[in-house]
Amino acid sequence: MDIPAGPLARQKRYILMLWCLLGYEPRSLDARVSKQFGVETFVWLTDPAALATLAKDLWSRCRKAGIDPEPAEAGGTRRETATAMAK
């Protein structure tokens, strides 16, 4: 999925990263956005509040699944190790 440049591109790339980390197909994000926000495709979603809602939900899902939702450039890792999860 190609995220065009723009003021919301970084947030959209982060959402797409979380979506993929959770094991979902990138194209199914369009269906989620269409159902939840009434926008046909994810790349057309321009409401910052809707993007924040989506990001918070995916962040929470990642945490519950034991996936570190922080981007690698921010010091996070893609997945927590089993030993870290056991602590």
PDB file of N, CA and C in Angstrom:
ATOM      1  N   MET A   1       0.858  -1.170   0.000  1.00  0.00           N
ATOM      2  CA  MET A   1       0.000   0.000   0.000  1.00  0.00           C
ATOM      3  C   MET A   1       0.900   1.228   0.000  1.00  0.00           C
ATOM      4  N   ASP A   2       0.645   2.131  -0.895  1.00  0.00           N
ATOM      5  CA  ASP A   2       1.452   3.329  -1.037  1.00  0.00           C
ATOM      6  C   ASP A   2       0.802   4.484  -0.285  1.00  0.00           C
ATOM      7  N   ILE A   3       1.531   5.040   0.678  1.00  0.00           N
ATOM      8  CA  ILE A   3       1.039   6.189   1.439  1.00  0.00           C
ATOM      9  C   ILE A   3       1.633   7.439   0.801  1.00  0.00           C
ATOM     10  N   PRO A   4       0.791   8.315   0.232  1.00  0.00           N
ATOM     11  CA  PRO A   4       1.318   9.525  -0.399  1.00  0.00           C
ATOM     12  C   PRO A   4       1.869  10.503   0.642  1.00  0.00           C
ATOM     13  N   ALA A   5       2.816  11.308   0.219  1.00  0.00           N
ATOM     14  CA  ALA A   5       3.396  12.323   1.096  1.00  0.00           C
ATOM     15  C   ALA A   5       2.318  13.314   1.515  1.00  0.00           C
ATOM     16  N   GLY A   6       2.469  13.845   2.703  1.00  0.00           N
ATOM     17  CA  GLY A   6       1.512  14.819   3.204  1.00  0.00           C
ATOM     18  C   GLY A   6       1.653  14.956   4.707  1.00  0.00           C
ATOM     19  N   PRO A   7       0.872  15.840   5.297  1.00  0.00           N
ATOM     20  CA  PRO A   7       0.996  16.089   6.733  1.00  0.00           C
ATOM     21  C   PRO A   7       0.618  14.893   7.610  1.00  0.00           C
ATOM     22  N   LEU A   8      -0.168  13.964   7.093  1.00  0.00           N
ATOM     23  CA  LEU A   8      -0.597  12.808   7.882  1.00  0.00           C
ATOM     24  C   LEU A   8       0.122  11.515   7.480  1.00  0.00           C
ATOM     25  N   ALA A   9       1.092  11.623   6.587  1.00  0.00           N
ATOM     26  CA  ALA A   9       1.765  10.439   6.054  1.00  0.00           C
ATOM     27  C   ALA A   9       2.484   9.643   7.142  1.00  0.00           C
ATOM     28  N   ARG A  10       3.163  10.314   8.049  1.00  0.00           N
ATOM     29  CA  ARG A  10       3.896   9.601   9.091  1.00  0.00           C
ATOM     30  C   ARG A  10       2.937   8.796   9.977  1.00  0.00           C
ATOM     31  N   GLN A  11       1.832   9.414  10.357  1.00  0.00           N
ATOM     32  CA  GLN A  11       0.850   8.722  11.197  1.00  0.00           C
ATOM     33  C   GLN A  11       0.229   7.545  10.440  1.00  0.00           C
ATOM     34  N   LYS A  12      -0.034   7.724   9.162  1.00  0.00           N
ATOM     35  CA  LYS A  12      -0.607   6.648   8.355  1.00  0.00           C
ATOM     36  C   LYS A  12       0.384   5.495   8.203  1.00  0.00           C
ATOM     37  N   ARG A  13       1.670   5.806   8.030  1.00  0.00           N
ATOM     38  CA  ARG A  13       2.667   4.745   7.930  1.00  0.00           C
ATOM     39  C   ARG A  13       2.769   3.976   9.242  1.00  0.00           C
ATOM     40  N   TYR A  14       2.666   4.672  10.354  1.00  0.00           N
ATOM     41  CA  TYR A  14       2.706   4.030  11.667  1.00  0.00           C
ATOM     42  C   TYR A  14       1.512   3.088  11.833  1.00  0.00           C
ATOM     43  N   ILE A  15       0.329   3.546  11.448  1.00  0.00           N
ATOM     44  CA  ILE A  15      -0.880   2.715  11.524  1.00  0.00           C
ATOM     45  C   ILE A  15      -0.714   1.474  10.639  1.00  0.00           C
ATOM     46  N   LEU A  16      -0.208   1.664   9.448  1.00  0.00           N
ATOM     47  CA  LEU A  16       0.000   0.540   8.536  1.00  0.00           C
ATOM     48  C   LEU A  16       1.020  -0.441   9.111  1.00  0.00           C
ATOM     49  N   MET A  17       2.068   0.070   9.754  1.00  0.00           N
ATOM     50  CA  MET A  17       3.056  -0.797  10.385  1.00  0.00           C
ATOM     51  C   MET A  17       2.407  -1.639  11.484  1.00  0.00           C
ATOM     52  N   LEU A  18       1.597  -0.998  12.336  1.00  0.00           N
ATOM     53  CA  LEU A  18       0.915  -1.729  13.402  1.00  0.00           C
ATOM     54  C   LEU A  18      -0.008  -2.795  12.815  1.00  0.00           C
ATOM     55  N   TRP A  19      -0.735  -2.426  11.787  1.00  0.00           N
ATOM     56  CA  TRP A  19      -1.670  -3.340  11.118  1.00  0.00           C
ATOM     57  C   TRP A  19      -0.940  -4.594  10.640  1.00  0.00           C
ATOM     58  N   CYS A  20       0.211  -4.382  10.010  1.00  0.00           N
ATOM     59  CA  CYS A  20       0.991  -5.510   9.489  1.00  0.00           C
ATOM     60  C   CYS A  20       1.627  -6.319  10.620  1.00  0.00           C
ATOM     61  N   LEU A  21       2.101  -5.657  11.676  1.00  0.00           N
ATOM     62  CA  LEU A  21       2.668  -6.372  12.814  1.00  0.00           C
ATOM     63  C   LEU A  21       1.647  -7.316  13.445  1.00  0.00           C
ATOM     64  N   LEU A  22       0.398  -6.918  13.393  1.00  0.00           N
ATOM     65  CA  LEU A  22      -0.669  -7.758  13.940  1.00  0.00           C
ATOM     66  C   LEU A  22      -1.012  -8.925  13.015  1.00  0.00           C
ATOM     67  N   GLY A  23      -0.408  -8.954  11.837  1.00  0.00           N
ATOM     68  CA  GLY A  23      -0.608 -10.067  10.918  1.00  0.00           C
ATOM     69  C   GLY A  23      -1.758  -9.887   9.955  1.00  0.00           C
ATOM     70  N   TYR A  24      -2.290  -8.673   9.878  1.00  0.00           N
ATOM     71  CA  TYR A  24      -3.405  -8.414   8.971  1.00  0.00           C
ATOM     72  C   TYR A  24      -2.872  -8.055   7.585  1.00  0.00           C
ATOM     73  N   GLU A  25      -3.649  -8.366   6.576  1.00  0.00           N
ATOM     74  CA  GLU A  25      -3.318  -7.991   5.211  1.00  0.00           C
ATOM     75  C   GLU A  25      -3.525  -6.478   5.050  1.00  0.00           C
ATOM     76  N   PRO A  26      -2.575  -5.781   4.427  1.00  0.00           N
ATOM     77  CA  PRO A  26      -2.707  -4.329   4.273  1.00  0.00           C
ATOM     78  C   PRO A  26      -4.010  -3.893   3.589  1.00  0.00           C
ATOM     79  N   ARG A  27      -4.463  -4.654   2.619  1.00  0.00           N
ATOM     80  CA  ARG A  27      -5.692  -4.269   1.902  1.00  0.00           C
ATOM     81  C   ARG A  27      -6.948  -4.364   2.783  1.00  0.00           C
ATOM     82  N   SER A  28      -6.903  -5.193   3.818  1.00  0.00           N
ATOM     83  CA  SER A  28      -8.075  -5.291   4.691  1.00  0.00           C
ATOM     84  C   SER A  28      -8.248  -4.047   5.557  1.00  0.00           C
ATOM     85  N   LEU A  29      -7.215  -3.217   5.605  1.00  0.00           N
ATOM     86  CA  LEU A  29      -7.327  -1.945   6.328  1.00  0.00           C
ATOM     87  C   LEU A  29      -8.367  -1.044   5.671  1.00  0.00           C
ATOM     88  N   ASP A  30      -8.481  -1.126   4.357  1.00  0.00           N
ATOM     89  CA  ASP A  30      -9.496  -0.344   3.646  1.00  0.00           C
ATOM     90  C   ASP A  30     -10.902  -0.715   4.126  1.00  0.00           C
ATOM     91  N   ALA A  31     -11.143  -2.006   4.315  1.00  0.00           N
ATOM     92  CA  ALA A  31     -12.461  -2.454   4.784  1.00  0.00           C
ATOM     93  C   ALA A  31     -12.738  -1.938   6.185  1.00  0.00           C
ATOM     94  N   ARG A  32     -11.745  -1.971   7.057  1.00  0.00           N
ATOM     95  CA  ARG A  32     -11.914  -1.470   8.425  1.00  0.00           C
ATOM     96  C   ARG A  32     -12.244   0.015   8.421  1.00  0.00           C
ATOM     97  N   VAL A  33     -11.497   0.784   7.639  1.00  0.00           N
ATOM     98  CA  VAL A  33     -11.699   2.234   7.570  1.00  0.00           C
ATOM     99  C   VAL A  33     -13.059   2.556   6.958  1.00  0.00           C
ATOM    100  N   SER A  34     -13.440   1.813   5.950  1.00  0.00           N
ATOM    101  CA  SER A  34     -14.739   2.038   5.319  1.00  0.00           C
ATOM    102  C   SER A  34     -15.879   1.791   6.296  1.00  0.00           C
ATOM    103  N   LYS A  35     -15.785   0.701   7.025  1.00  0.00           N
ATOM    104  CA  LYS A  35     -16.840   0.350   7.976  1.00  0.00           C
ATOM    105  C   LYS A  35     -16.888   1.311   9.164  1.00  0.00           C
ATOM    106  N   GLN A  36     -15.717   1.654   9.704  1.00  0.00           N
ATOM    107  CA  GLN A  36     -15.671   2.462  10.918  1.00  0.00           C
ATOM    108  C   GLN A  36     -15.816   3.959  10.660  1.00  0.00           C
ATOM    109  N   PHE A  37     -15.246   4.449   9.551  1.00  0.00           N
ATOM    110  CA  PHE A  37     -15.209   5.898   9.335  1.00  0.00           C
ATOM    111  C   PHE A  37     -15.925   6.365   8.071  1.00  0.00           C
ATOM    112  N   GLY A  38     -16.431   5.422   7.269  1.00  0.00           N
ATOM    113  CA  GLY A  38     -17.180   5.793   6.069  1.00  0.00           C
ATOM    114  C   GLY A  38     -16.331   6.346   4.939  1.00  0.00           C
ATOM    115  N   VAL A  39     -15.034   6.028   4.938  1.00  0.00           N
ATOM    116  CA  VAL A  39     -14.125   6.469   3.883  1.00  0.00           C
ATOM    117  C   VAL A  39     -13.727   5.226   3.089  1.00  0.00           C
ATOM    118  N   GLU A  40     -13.776   5.320   1.774  1.00  0.00           N
ATOM    119  CA  GLU A  40     -13.587   4.131   0.931  1.00  0.00           C
ATOM    120  C   GLU A  40     -12.228   3.450   1.093  1.00  0.00           C
ATOM    121  N   THR A  41     -11.162   4.228   1.190  1.00  0.00           N
ATOM    122  CA  THR A  41      -9.830   3.634   1.345  1.00  0.00           C
ATOM    123  C   THR A  41      -9.053   4.338   2.448  1.00  0.00           C
ATOM    124  N   PHE A  42      -8.116   3.618   3.033  1.00  0.00           N
ATOM    125  CA  PHE A  42      -7.310   4.138   4.131  1.00  0.00           C
ATOM    126  C   PHE A  42      -6.538   5.391   3.722  1.00  0.00           C
ATOM    127  N   VAL A  43      -5.953   5.386   2.529  1.00  0.00           N
ATOM    128  CA  VAL A  43      -5.140   6.532   2.108  1.00  0.00           C
ATOM    129  C   VAL A  43      -5.965   7.805   1.968  1.00  0.00           C
ATOM    130  N   TRP A  44      -7.278   7.687   1.814  1.00  0.00           N
ATOM    131  CA  TRP A  44      -8.137   8.860   1.708  1.00  0.00           C
ATOM    132  C   TRP A  44      -8.590   9.396   3.066  1.00  0.00           C
ATOM    133  N   LEU A  45      -8.310   8.672   4.128  1.00  0.00           N
ATOM    134  CA  LEU A  45      -8.703   9.107   5.471  1.00  0.00           C
ATOM    135  C   LEU A  45      -7.858  10.322   5.859  1.00  0.00           C
ATOM    136  N   THR A  46      -8.524  11.454   6.095  1.00  0.00           N
ATOM    137  CA  THR A  46      -7.810  12.701   6.394  1.00  0.00           C
ATOM    138  C   THR A  46      -8.203  13.309   7.729  1.00  0.00           C
ATOM    139  N   ASP A  47      -9.051  12.642   8.467  1.00  0.00           N
ATOM    140  CA  ASP A  47      -9.486  13.153   9.769  1.00  0.00           C
ATOM    141  C   ASP A  47      -8.459  12.754  10.833  1.00  0.00           C
ATOM    142  N   PRO A  48      -7.738  13.727  11.411  1.00  0.00           N
ATOM    143  CA  PRO A  48      -6.732  13.399  12.418  1.00  0.00           C
ATOM    144  C   PRO A  48      -7.312  12.656  13.631  1.00  0.00           C
ATOM    145  N   ALA A  49      -8.521  12.974  14.022  1.00  0.00           N
ATOM    146  CA  ALA A  49      -9.148  12.293  15.164  1.00  0.00           C
ATOM    147  C   ALA A  49      -9.426  10.828  14.830  1.00  0.00           C
ATOM    148  N   ALA A  50      -9.872  10.556  13.617  1.00  0.00           N
ATOM    149  CA  ALA A  50     -10.126   9.178  13.193  1.00  0.00           C
ATOM    150  C   ALA A  50      -8.814   8.389  13.137  1.00  0.00           C
ATOM    151  N   LEU A  51      -7.759   9.015  12.631  1.00  0.00           N
ATOM    152  CA  LEU A  51      -6.457   8.354  12.586  1.00  0.00           C
ATOM    153  C   LEU A  51      -5.948   8.063  13.996  1.00  0.00           C
ATOM    154  N   ALA A  52      -6.158   9.003  14.909  1.00  0.00           N
ATOM    155  CA  ALA A  52      -5.732   8.800  16.298  1.00  0.00           C
ATOM    156  C   ALA A  52      -6.511   7.650  16.935  1.00  0.00           C
ATOM    157  N   THR A  53      -7.807   7.575  16.679  1.00  0.00           N
ATOM    158  CA  THR A  53      -8.638   6.491  17.201  1.00  0.00           C
ATOM    159  C   THR A  53      -8.142   5.146  16.696  1.00  0.00           C
ATOM    160  N   LEU A  54      -7.868   5.076  15.414  1.00  0.00           N
ATOM    161  CA  LEU A  54      -7.380   3.845  14.802  1.00  0.00           C
ATOM    162  C   LEU A  54      -6.012   3.457  15.373  1.00  0.00           C
ATOM    163  N   ALA A  55      -5.122   4.434  15.496  1.00  0.00           N
ATOM    164  CA  ALA A  55      -3.789   4.162  16.023  1.00  0.00           C
ATOM    165  C   ALA A  55      -3.855   3.666  17.469  1.00  0.00           C
ATOM    166  N   LYS A  56      -4.700   4.284  18.278  1.00  0.00           N
ATOM    167  CA  LYS A  56      -4.833   3.869  19.682  1.00  0.00           C
ATOM    168  C   LYS A  56      -5.359   2.442  19.789  1.00  0.00           C
ATOM    169  N   ASP A  57      -6.338   2.102  18.952  1.00  0.00           N
ATOM    170  CA  ASP A  57      -6.887   0.749  18.962  1.00  0.00           C
ATOM    171  C   ASP A  57      -5.830  -0.273  18.568  1.00  0.00           C
ATOM    172  N   LEU A  58      -5.101   0.005  17.496  1.00  0.00           N
ATOM    173  CA  LEU A  58      -4.072  -0.929  17.038  1.00  0.00           C
ATOM    174  C   LEU A  58      -2.928  -1.014  18.031  1.00  0.00           C
ATOM    175  N   TRP A  59      -2.567   0.098  18.656  1.00  0.00           N
ATOM    176  CA  TRP A  59      -1.522   0.111  19.679  1.00  0.00           C
ATOM    177  C   TRP A  59      -1.917  -0.816  20.825  1.00  0.00           C
ATOM    178  N   SER A  60      -3.165  -0.698  21.258  1.00  0.00           N
ATOM    179  CA  SER A  60      -3.665  -1.535  22.346  1.00  0.00           C
ATOM    180  C   SER A  60      -3.664  -3.011  21.952  1.00  0.00           C
ATOM    181  N   ARG A  61      -4.081  -3.302  20.730  1.00  0.00           N
ATOM    182  CA  ARG A  61      -4.084  -4.690  20.251  1.00  0.00           C
ATOM    183  C   ARG A  61      -2.668  -5.266  20.204  1.00  0.00           C
ATOM    184  N   CYS A  62      -1.708  -4.449  19.794  1.00  0.00           N
ATOM    185  CA  CYS A  62      -0.317  -4.900  19.766  1.00  0.00           C
ATOM    186  C   CYS A  62       0.165  -5.225  21.172  1.00  0.00           C
ATOM    187  N   ARG A  63      -0.098  -4.355  22.118  1.00  0.00           N
ATOM    188  CA  ARG A  63       0.333  -4.587  23.499  1.00  0.00           C
ATOM    189  C   ARG A  63      -0.261  -5.888  24.047  1.00  0.00           C
ATOM    190  N   LYS A  64      -1.547  -6.108  23.774  1.00  0.00           N
ATOM    191  CA  LYS A  64      -2.205  -7.327  24.245  1.00  0.00           C
ATOM    192  C   LYS A  64      -1.620  -8.573  23.598  1.00  0.00           C
ATOM    193  N   ALA A  65      -1.127  -8.440  22.364  1.00  0.00           N
ATOM    194  CA  ALA A  65      -0.555  -9.570  21.639  1.00  0.00           C
ATOM    195  C   ALA A  65       0.936  -9.757  21.943  1.00  0.00           C
ATOM    196  N   GLY A  66       1.493  -8.896  22.807  1.00  0.00           N
ATOM    197  CA  GLY A  66       2.907  -9.001  23.139  1.00  0.00           C
ATOM    198  C   GLY A  66       3.830  -8.420  22.091  1.00  0.00           C
ATOM    199  N   ILE A  67       3.303  -7.522  21.282  1.00  0.00           N
ATOM    200  CA  ILE A  67       4.075  -6.872  20.227  1.00  0.00           C
ATOM    201  C   ILE A  67       4.388  -5.454  20.687  1.00  0.00           C
ATOM    202  N   ASP A  68       5.652  -5.058  20.583  1.00  0.00           N
ATOM    203  CA  ASP A  68       6.042  -3.705  20.953  1.00  0.00           C
ATOM    204  C   ASP A  68       5.576  -2.749  19.851  1.00  0.00           C
ATOM    205  N   PRO A  69       4.638  -1.848  20.151  1.00  0.00           N
ATOM    206  CA  PRO A  69       4.103  -0.967  19.119  1.00  0.00           C
ATOM    207  C   PRO A  69       4.938   0.280  18.847  1.00  0.00           C
ATOM    208  N   GLU A  70       6.085   0.406  19.501  1.00  0.00           N
ATOM    209  CA  GLU A  70       6.917   1.587  19.285  1.00  0.00           C
ATOM    210  C   GLU A  70       7.776   1.392  18.037  1.00  0.00           C
ATOM    211  N   PRO A  71       7.858   2.415  17.199  1.00  0.00           N
ATOM    212  CA  PRO A  71       8.698   2.305  15.999  1.00  0.00           C
ATOM    213  C   PRO A  71      10.154   2.077  16.393  1.00  0.00           C
ATOM    214  N   ALA A  72      10.883   1.342  15.593  1.00  0.00           N
ATOM    215  CA  ALA A  72      12.284   1.022  15.886  1.00  0.00           C
ATOM    216  C   ALA A  72      13.121   2.288  16.033  1.00  0.00           C
ATOM    217  N   GLU A  73      12.837   3.327  15.235  1.00  0.00           N
ATOM    218  CA  GLU A  73      13.624   4.557  15.314  1.00  0.00           C
ATOM    219  C   GLU A  73      13.375   5.325  16.618  1.00  0.00           C
ATOM    220  N   ALA A  74      12.312   4.974  17.335  1.00  0.00           N
ATOM    221  CA  ALA A  74      12.028   5.609  18.617  1.00  0.00           C
ATOM    222  C   ALA A  74      12.588   4.799  19.776  1.00  0.00           C
ATOM    223  N   GLY A  75      13.357   3.765  19.454  1.00  0.00           N
ATOM    224  CA  GLY A  75      13.976   2.962  20.502  1.00  0.00           C
ATOM    225  C   GLY A  75      13.227   1.687  20.819  1.00  0.00           C
ATOM    226  N   GLY A  76      12.097   1.458  20.180  1.00  0.00           N
ATOM    227  CA  GLY A  76      11.332   0.243  20.423  1.00  0.00           C
ATOM    228  C   GLY A  76      11.834  -0.896  19.557  1.00  0.00           C
ATOM    229  N   THR A  77      11.351  -2.087  19.854  1.00  0.00           N
ATOM    230  CA  THR A  77      11.665  -3.247  19.037  1.00  0.00           C
ATOM    231  C   THR A  77      10.383  -3.715  18.379  1.00  0.00           C
ATOM    232  N   ARG A  78      10.501  -4.519  17.387  1.00  0.00           N
ATOM    233  CA  ARG A  78       9.305  -4.986  16.681  1.00  0.00           C
ATOM    234  C   ARG A  78       8.477  -5.948  17.531  1.00  0.00           C
ATOM    235  N   ARG A  79       9.137  -6.836  18.248  1.00  0.00           N
ATOM    236  CA  ARG A  79       8.418  -7.793  19.095  1.00  0.00           C
ATOM    237  C   ARG A  79       9.174  -7.949  20.403  1.00  0.00           C
ATOM    238  N   GLU A  80       8.433  -8.103  21.465  1.00  0.00           N
ATOM    239  CA  GLU A  80       9.066  -8.371  22.747  1.00  0.00           C
ATOM    240  C   GLU A  80       9.501  -9.830  22.756  1.00  0.00           C
ATOM    241  N   THR A  81      10.587 -10.109  23.431  1.00  0.00           N
ATOM    242  CA  THR A  81      11.036 -11.498  23.509  1.00  0.00           C
ATOM    243  C   THR A  81      10.177 -12.247  24.523  1.00  0.00           C
ATOM    244  N   ALA A  82      10.219 -13.560  24.421  1.00  0.00           N
ATOM    245  CA  ALA A  82       9.429 -14.390  25.344  1.00  0.00           C
ATOM    246  C   ALA A  82       9.871 -14.182  26.781  1.00  0.00           C
ATOM    247  N   THR A  83      11.163 -13.962  26.998  1.00  0.00           N
ATOM    248  CA  THR A  83      11.633 -13.744  28.365  1.00  0.00           C
ATOM    249  C   THR A  83      11.141 -12.420  28.914  1.00  0.00           C
ATOM    250  N   ALA A  84      11.088 -11.415  28.094  1.00  0.00           N
ATOM    251  CA  ALA A  84      10.586 -10.120  28.547  1.00  0.00           C
ATOM    252  C   ALA A  84       9.098 -10.199  28.871  1.00  0.00           C
ATOM    253  N   MET A  85       8.376 -10.995  28.096  1.00  0.00           N
ATOM    254  CA  MET A  85       6.939 -11.139  28.340  1.00  0.00           C
ATOM    255  C   MET A  85       6.700 -11.932  29.613  1.00  0.00           C
ATOM    256  N   ALA A  86       7.600 -12.835  29.964  1.00  0.00           N
ATOM    257  CA  ALA A  86       7.419 -13.682  31.146  1.00  0.00           C
ATOM    258  C   ALA A  86       7.654 -12.907  32.434  1.00  0.00           C
ATOM    259  N   LYS A  87       8.384 -11.793  32.348  1.00  0.00           N
ATOM    260  CA  LYS A  87       8.698 -11.006  33.559  1.00  0.00           C
ATOM    261  C   LYS A  87       7.531 -10.204  34.027  1.00  0.00           C
TER     262      LYS A  87
END
